[in-house]
PDB file of N, CA and C in Angstrom:
ATOM      1  N   MET A   1       1.089  34.954  34.660  1.00  0.00           N
ATOM      2  CA  MET A   1       2.177  34.792  33.747  1.00  0.00           C
ATOM      3  C   MET A   1       2.497  33.314  33.482  1.00  0.00           C
ATOM      4  N   ILE A   2       2.539  32.510  34.550  1.00  0.00           N
ATOM      5  CA  ILE A   2       2.776  31.087  34.376  1.00  0.00           C
ATOM      6  C   ILE A   2       1.629  30.447  33.585  1.00  0.00           C
ATOM      7  N   GLU A   3       0.424  30.890  33.868  1.00  0.00           N
ATOM      8  CA  GLU A   3      -0.746  30.364  33.149  1.00  0.00           C
ATOM      9  C   GLU A   3      -0.668  30.689  31.652  1.00  0.00           C
ATOM     10  N   SER A   4      -0.201  31.875  31.334  1.00  0.00           N
ATOM     11  CA  SER A   4      -0.047  32.300  29.945  1.00  0.00           C
ATOM     12  C   SER A   4       1.066  31.469  29.260  1.00  0.00           C
ATOM     13  N   SER A   5       2.149  31.273  29.965  1.00  0.00           N
ATOM     14  CA  SER A   5       3.235  30.477  29.408  1.00  0.00           C
ATOM     15  C   SER A   5       2.830  29.013  29.182  1.00  0.00           C
ATOM     16  N   LEU A   6       2.081  28.498  30.163  1.00  0.00           N
ATOM     17  CA  LEU A   6       1.582  27.122  30.056  1.00  0.00           C
ATOM     18  C   LEU A   6       0.631  26.996  28.881  1.00  0.00           C
ATOM     19  N   SER A   7      -0.216  27.982  28.685  1.00  0.00           N
ATOM     20  CA  SER A   7      -1.161  27.974  27.596  1.00  0.00           C
ATOM     21  C   SER A   7      -0.417  28.001  26.245  1.00  0.00           C
ATOM     22  N   LYS A   8       0.586  28.845  26.145  1.00  0.00           N
ATOM     23  CA  LYS A   8       1.400  28.909  24.938  1.00  0.00           C
ATOM     24  C   LYS A   8       2.108  27.592  24.679  1.00  0.00           C
ATOM     25  N   LEU A   9       2.629  26.996  25.728  1.00  0.00           N
ATOM     26  CA  LEU A   9       3.307  25.707  25.616  1.00  0.00           C
ATOM     27  C   LEU A   9       2.371  24.635  25.146  1.00  0.00           C
ATOM     28  N   GLU A  10       1.152  24.604  25.686  1.00  0.00           N
ATOM     29  CA  GLU A  10       0.142  23.653  25.259  1.00  0.00           C
ATOM     30  C   GLU A  10      -0.177  23.810  23.772  1.00  0.00           C
ATOM     31  N   GLN A  11      -0.289  25.063  23.346  1.00  0.00           N
ATOM     32  CA  GLN A  11      -0.574  25.342  21.937  1.00  0.00           C
ATOM     33  C   GLN A  11       0.601  24.887  21.042  1.00  0.00           C
ATOM     34  N   LEU A  12       1.794  25.145  21.481  1.00  0.00           N
ATOM     35  CA  LEU A  12       2.976  24.705  20.709  1.00  0.00           C
ATOM     36  C   LEU A  12       3.032  23.178  20.609  1.00  0.00           C
ATOM     37  N   VAL A  13       2.764  22.513  21.732  1.00  0.00           N
ATOM     38  CA  VAL A  13       2.774  21.055  21.715  1.00  0.00           C
ATOM     39  C   VAL A  13       1.681  20.548  20.773  1.00  0.00           C
ATOM     40  N   SER A  14       0.512  21.164  20.853  1.00  0.00           N
ATOM     41  CA  SER A  14      -0.597  20.769  19.996  1.00  0.00           C
ATOM     42  C   SER A  14      -0.237  20.971  18.528  1.00  0.00           C
ATOM     43  N   ASP A  15       0.394  22.098  18.212  1.00  0.00           N
ATOM     44  CA  ASP A  15       0.816  22.360  16.843  1.00  0.00           C
ATOM     45  C   ASP A  15       1.866  21.360  16.371  1.00  0.00           C
ATOM     46  N   LEU A  16       2.784  21.020  17.236  1.00  0.00           N
ATOM     47  CA  LEU A  16       3.799  20.010  16.893  1.00  0.00           C
ATOM     48  C   LEU A  16       3.217  18.647  16.646  1.00  0.00           C
ATOM     49  N   VAL A  17       2.248  18.264  17.477  1.00  0.00           N
ATOM     50  CA  VAL A  17       1.582  16.964  17.296  1.00  0.00           C
ATOM     51  C   VAL A  17       0.840  16.929  15.966  1.00  0.00           C
ATOM     52  N   GLN A  18       0.160  18.042  15.645  1.00  0.00           N
ATOM     53  CA  GLN A  18      -0.550  18.134  14.360  1.00  0.00           C
ATOM     54  C   GLN A  18       0.427  18.080  13.193  1.00  0.00           C
ATOM     55  N   GLN A  19       1.536  18.814  13.340  1.00  0.00           N
ATOM     56  CA  GLN A  19       2.534  18.812  12.259  1.00  0.00           C
ATOM     57  C   GLN A  19       3.120  17.412  12.096  1.00  0.00           C
ATOM     58  N   LYS A  20       3.375  16.736  13.178  1.00  0.00           N
ATOM     59  CA  LYS A  20       3.915  15.364  13.116  1.00  0.00           C
ATOM     60  C   LYS A  20       2.947  14.471  12.361  1.00  0.00           C
ATOM     61  N   GLN A  21       1.648  14.578  12.676  1.00  0.00           N
ATOM     62  CA  GLN A  21       0.638  13.748  12.007  1.00  0.00           C
ATOM     63  C   GLN A  21       0.619  14.030  10.486  1.00  0.00           C
ATOM     64  N   GLU A  22       0.683  15.311  10.154  1.00  0.00           N
ATOM     65  CA  GLU A  22       0.703  15.682   8.751  1.00  0.00           C
ATOM     66  C   GLU A  22       1.920  15.136   8.044  1.00  0.00           C
ATOM     67  N   LEU A  23       3.067  15.199   8.716  1.00  0.00           N
ATOM     68  CA  LEU A  23       4.293  14.655   8.141  1.00  0.00           C
ATOM     69  C   LEU A  23       4.236  13.146   7.974  1.00  0.00           C
ATOM     70  N   LEU A  24       3.639  12.466   8.949  1.00  0.00           N
ATOM     71  CA  LEU A  24       3.485  11.018   8.838  1.00  0.00           C
ATOM     72  C   LEU A  24       2.580  10.647   7.655  1.00  0.00           C
ATOM     73  N   GLU A  25       1.497  11.411   7.483  1.00  0.00           N
ATOM     74  CA  GLU A  25       0.604  11.150   6.350  1.00  0.00           C
ATOM     75  C   GLU A  25       1.301  11.411   5.023  1.00  0.00           C
ATOM     76  N   THR A  26       2.071  12.508   4.965  1.00  0.00           N
ATOM     77  CA  THR A  26       2.816  12.821   3.759  1.00  0.00           C
ATOM     78  C   THR A  26       3.830  11.734   3.472  1.00  0.00           C
ATOM     79  N   ASN A  27       4.523  11.263   4.507  1.00  0.00           N
ATOM     80  CA  ASN A  27       5.518  10.214   4.337  1.00  0.00           C
ATOM     81  C   ASN A  27       4.867   8.932   3.830  1.00  0.00           C
ATOM     82  N   GLU A  28       3.709   8.614   4.367  1.00  0.00           N
ATOM     83  CA  GLU A  28       2.977   7.411   3.907  1.00  0.00           C
ATOM     84  C   GLU A  28       2.598   7.536   2.449  1.00  0.00           C
ATOM     85  N   GLN A  29       2.105   8.730   2.072  1.00  0.00           N
ATOM     86  CA  GLN A  29       1.708   8.974   0.673  1.00  0.00           C
ATOM     87  C   GLN A  29       2.930   8.867  -0.243  1.00  0.00           C
ATOM     88  N   LEU A  30       4.040   9.469   0.168  1.00  0.00           N
ATOM     89  CA  LEU A  30       5.259   9.421  -0.652  1.00  0.00           C
ATOM     90  C   LEU A  30       5.810   8.009  -0.764  1.00  0.00           C
ATOM     91  N   SER A  31       5.704   7.250   0.307  1.00  0.00           N
ATOM     92  CA  SER A  31       6.148   5.844   0.279  1.00  0.00           C
ATOM     93  C   SER A  31       5.309   5.055  -0.720  1.00  0.00           C
ATOM     94  N   ALA A  32       4.007   5.275  -0.721  1.00  0.00           N
ATOM     95  CA  ALA A  32       3.120   4.591  -1.672  1.00  0.00           C
ATOM     96  C   ALA A  32       3.480   4.996  -3.107  1.00  0.00           C
ATOM     97  N   GLU A  33       3.725   6.282  -3.331  1.00  0.00           N
ATOM     98  CA  GLU A  33       4.076   6.769  -4.674  1.00  0.00           C
ATOM     99  C   GLU A  33       5.412   6.177  -5.094  1.00  0.00           C
ATOM    100  N   LEU A  34       6.359   6.096  -4.167  1.00  0.00           N
ATOM    101  CA  LEU A  34       7.647   5.501  -4.497  1.00  0.00           C
ATOM    102  C   LEU A  34       7.504   4.018  -4.872  1.00  0.00           C
ATOM    103  N   ALA A  35       6.676   3.287  -4.150  1.00  0.00           N
ATOM    104  CA  ALA A  35       6.448   1.891  -4.482  1.00  0.00           C
ATOM    105  C   ALA A  35       5.873   1.741  -5.895  1.00  0.00           C
ATOM    106  N   LEU A  36       4.918   2.619  -6.236  1.00  0.00           N
ATOM    107  CA  LEU A  36       4.341   2.578  -7.571  1.00  0.00           C
ATOM    108  C   LEU A  36       5.387   2.920  -8.635  1.00  0.00           C
ATOM    109  N   ALA A  37       6.220   3.916  -8.340  1.00  0.00           N
ATOM    110  CA  ALA A  37       7.268   4.294  -9.302  1.00  0.00           C
ATOM    111  C   ALA A  37       8.266   3.168  -9.485  1.00  0.00           C
ATOM    112  N   LYS A  38       8.595   2.474  -8.419  1.00  0.00           N
ATOM    113  CA  LYS A  38       9.515   1.338  -8.507  1.00  0.00           C
ATOM    114  C   LYS A  38       8.918   0.225  -9.363  1.00  0.00           C
ATOM    115  N   ASP A  39       7.637  -0.063  -9.159  1.00  0.00           N
ATOM    116  CA  ASP A  39       6.955  -1.066  -9.957  1.00  0.00           C
ATOM    117  C   ASP A  39       6.924  -0.672 -11.428  1.00  0.00           C
ATOM    118  N   GLU A  40       6.604   0.597 -11.688  1.00  0.00           N
ATOM    119  CA  GLU A  40       6.564   1.085 -13.057  1.00  0.00           C
ATOM    120  C   GLU A  40       7.951   0.999 -13.697  1.00  0.00           C
ATOM    121  N   ASN A  41       8.983   1.353 -12.941  1.00  0.00           N
ATOM    122  CA  ASN A  41      10.353   1.303 -13.427  1.00  0.00           C
ATOM    123  C   ASN A  41      10.750  -0.120 -13.789  1.00  0.00           C
ATOM    124  N   GLU A  42      10.413  -1.055 -12.913  1.00  0.00           N
ATOM    125  CA  GLU A  42      10.707  -2.461 -13.171  1.00  0.00           C
ATOM    126  C   GLU A  42       9.992  -2.943 -14.436  1.00  0.00           C
ATOM    127  N   SER A  43       8.753  -2.553 -14.594  1.00  0.00           N
ATOM    128  CA  SER A  43       7.982  -2.944 -15.759  1.00  0.00           C
ATOM    129  C   SER A  43       8.588  -2.350 -17.041  1.00  0.00           C
ATOM    130  N   LEU A  44       8.996  -1.072 -16.964  1.00  0.00           N
ATOM    131  CA  LEU A  44       9.618  -0.464 -18.139  1.00  0.00           C
ATOM    132  C   LEU A  44      10.949  -1.113 -18.476  1.00  0.00           C
ATOM    133  N   GLN A  45      11.722  -1.512 -17.462  1.00  0.00           N
ATOM    134  CA  GLN A  45      12.981  -2.174 -17.713  1.00  0.00           C
ATOM    135  C   GLN A  45      12.764  -3.520 -18.396  1.00  0.00           C
ATOM    136  N   LEU A  46      11.747  -4.252 -17.941  1.00  0.00           N
ATOM    137  CA  LEU A  46      11.440  -5.542 -18.567  1.00  0.00           C
ATOM    138  C   LEU A  46      11.005  -5.334 -20.034  1.00  0.00           C
ATOM    139  N   THR A  47      10.181  -4.312 -20.234  1.00  0.00           N
ATOM    140  CA  THR A  47       9.735  -4.013 -21.612  1.00  0.00           C
ATOM    141  C   THR A  47      10.938  -3.668 -22.481  1.00  0.00           C
ATOM    142  N   LEU A  48      11.843  -2.882 -21.943  1.00  0.00           N
ATOM    143  CA  LEU A  48      13.028  -2.495 -22.684  1.00  0.00           C
ATOM    144  C   LEU A  48      13.883  -3.727 -23.029  1.00  0.00           C
ATOM    145  N   MET A  49      14.051  -4.617 -22.092  1.00  0.00           N
ATOM    146  CA  MET A  49      14.805  -5.824 -22.359  1.00  0.00           C
ATOM    147  C   MET A  49      14.157  -6.650 -23.438  1.00  0.00           C
ATOM    148  N   GLU A  50      12.837  -6.762 -23.405  1.00  0.00           N
ATOM    149  CA  GLU A  50      12.106  -7.507 -24.439  1.00  0.00           C
ATOM    150  C   GLU A  50      12.317  -6.858 -25.822  1.00  0.00           C
ATOM    151  N   GLN A  51      12.243  -5.534 -25.857  1.00  0.00           N
ATOM    152  CA  GLN A  51      12.425  -4.826 -27.123  1.00  0.00           C
ATOM    153  C   GLN A  51      13.846  -5.008 -27.644  1.00  0.00           C
ATOM    154  N   GLU A  52      14.835  -4.994 -26.723  1.00  0.00           N
ATOM    155  CA  GLU A  52      16.220  -5.183 -27.147  1.00  0.00           C
ATOM    156  C   GLU A  52      16.406  -6.570 -27.721  1.00  0.00           C
ATOM    157  N   GLU A  53      15.770  -7.573 -27.115  1.00  0.00           N
ATOM    158  CA  GLU A  53      15.852  -8.933 -27.634  1.00  0.00           C
ATOM    159  C   GLU A  53      15.236  -9.030 -29.026  1.00  0.00           C
ATOM    160  N   LYS A  54      14.081  -8.407 -29.193  1.00  0.00           N
ATOM    161  CA  LYS A  54      13.417  -8.417 -30.519  1.00  0.00           C
ATOM    162  C   LYS A  54      14.260  -7.701 -31.556  1.00  0.00           C
ATOM    163  N   GLN A  55      14.866  -6.573 -31.162  1.00  0.00           N
ATOM    164  CA  GLN A  55      15.714  -5.820 -32.104  1.00  0.00           C
ATOM    165  C   GLN A  55      16.936  -6.659 -32.468  1.00  0.00           C
ATOM    166  N   GLY A  56      17.498  -7.379 -31.498  1.00  0.00           N
ATOM    167  CA  GLY A  56      18.648  -8.216 -31.770  1.00  0.00           C
ATOM    168  C   GLY A  56      18.269  -9.341 -32.734  1.00  0.00           C
ATOM    169  N   ALA A  57      17.115  -9.929 -32.509  1.00  0.00           N
ATOM    170  CA  ALA A  57      16.684 -11.003 -33.406  1.00  0.00           C
ATOM    171  C   ALA A  57      16.419 -10.452 -34.827  1.00  0.00           C
ATOM    172  N   THR A  58      15.815  -9.276 -34.875  1.00  0.00           N
ATOM    173  CA  THR A  58      15.545  -8.658 -36.181  1.00  0.00           C
ATOM    174  C   THR A  58      16.846  -8.320 -36.876  1.00  0.00           C
ATOM    175  N   ALA A  59      17.804  -7.764 -36.162  1.00  0.00           N
ATOM    176  CA  ALA A  59      19.104  -7.440 -36.734  1.00  0.00           C
ATOM    177  C   ALA A  59      19.799  -8.689 -37.273  1.00  0.00           C
ATOM    178  N   ALA A  60      19.697  -9.796 -36.540  1.00  0.00           N
ATOM    179  CA  ALA A  60      20.302 -11.057 -36.985  1.00  0.00           C
ATOM    180  C   ALA A  60      19.606 -11.548 -38.257  1.00  0.00           C
ATOM    181  N   ARG A  61      18.328 -11.434 -38.324  1.00  0.00           N
ATOM    182  CA  ARG A  61      17.580 -11.849 -39.527  1.00  0.00           C
ATOM    183  C   ARG A  61      17.960 -10.987 -40.720  1.00  0.00           C
ATOM    184  N   ILE A  62      18.078  -9.669 -40.498  1.00  0.00           N
ATOM    185  CA  ILE A  62      18.456  -8.754 -41.570  1.00  0.00           C
ATOM    186  C   ILE A  62      19.862  -9.091 -42.051  1.00  0.00           C
ATOM    187  N   GLN A  63      20.752  -9.309 -41.102  1.00  0.00           N
ATOM    188  CA  GLN A  63      22.130  -9.641 -41.476  1.00  0.00           C
ATOM    189  C   GLN A  63      22.176 -10.926 -42.300  1.00  0.00           C
ATOM    190  N   ALA A  64      21.378 -11.925 -41.923  1.00  0.00           N
ATOM    191  CA  ALA A  64      21.347 -13.168 -42.677  1.00  0.00           C
ATOM    192  C   ALA A  64      20.809 -12.937 -44.076  1.00  0.00           C
ATOM    193  N   LEU A  65      19.781 -12.091 -44.178  1.00  0.00           N
ATOM    194  CA  LEU A  65      19.233 -11.787 -45.514  1.00  0.00           C
ATOM    195  C   LEU A  65      20.257 -11.051 -46.379  1.00  0.00           C
ATOM    196  N   VAL A  66      20.969 -10.112 -45.765  1.00  0.00           N
ATOM    197  CA  VAL A  66      21.975  -9.378 -46.516  1.00  0.00           C
ATOM    198  C   VAL A  66      23.079 -10.312 -46.993  1.00  0.00           C
ATOM    199  N   GLU A  67      23.494 -11.246 -46.149  1.00  0.00           N
ATOM    200  CA  GLU A  67      24.507 -12.197 -46.510  1.00  0.00           C
ATOM    201  C   GLU A  67      24.022 -13.099 -47.655  1.00  0.00           C
ATOM    202  N   ARG A  68      22.764 -13.490 -47.597  1.00  0.00           N
ATOM    203  CA  ARG A  68      22.217 -14.343 -48.674  1.00  0.00           C
ATOM    204  C   ARG A  68      22.082 -13.594 -49.980  1.00  0.00           C
ATOM    205  N   ALA A  69      21.781 -12.286 -49.876  1.00  0.00           N
ATOM    206  CA  ALA A  69      21.581 -11.485 -51.084  1.00  0.00           C
ATOM    207  C   ALA A  69      22.911 -11.005 -51.705  1.00  0.00           C
ATOM    208  N   SER A  70      23.947 -11.008 -50.907  1.00  0.00           N
ATOM    209  CA  SER A  70      25.243 -10.572 -51.420  1.00  0.00           C
ATOM    210  C   SER A  70      25.849 -11.614 -52.336  1.00  0.00           C
ATOM    211  N   PRO A  71      26.521 -11.151 -53.404  1.00  0.00           N
ATOM    212  CA  PRO A  71      27.166 -12.151 -54.290  1.00  0.00           C
ATOM    213  C   PRO A  71      28.251 -12.885 -53.541  1.00  0.00           C
ATOM    214  N   VAL A  72      28.337 -14.161 -53.848  1.00  0.00           N
ATOM    215  CA  VAL A  72      29.334 -15.002 -53.193  1.00  0.00           C
ATOM    216  C   VAL A  72      30.682 -14.740 -53.843  1.00  0.00           C
ATOM    217  N   ASN A  73      31.673 -14.453 -53.060  1.00  0.00           N
ATOM    218  CA  ASN A  73      33.028 -14.267 -53.596  1.00  0.00           C
ATOM    219  C   ASN A  73      33.723 -15.611 -53.637  1.00  0.00           C
ATOM    220  N   ALA A  74      33.855 -16.122 -54.858  1.00  0.00           N
ATOM    221  CA  ALA A  74      34.463 -17.437 -54.989  1.00  0.00           C
ATOM    222  C   ALA A  74      35.756 -17.366 -55.777  1.00  0.00           C
TER     223      ALA A  74
END
């Protein structure tokens, strides 16, 4: 009986060690994916800022053209 219990305990410990290893590998993979997602997010934010600057400059140019094209109220 003790031998059977010891054998079951060894199997449980072995299963837990294997599960821990799998979880560590999954955690490592998820950490790498998170790092990539953060880099992509930062890149997208920079691109968005650049586009907003260009849109602002374009809007200013359009406004200047509209003002030039509008009749002068004198």
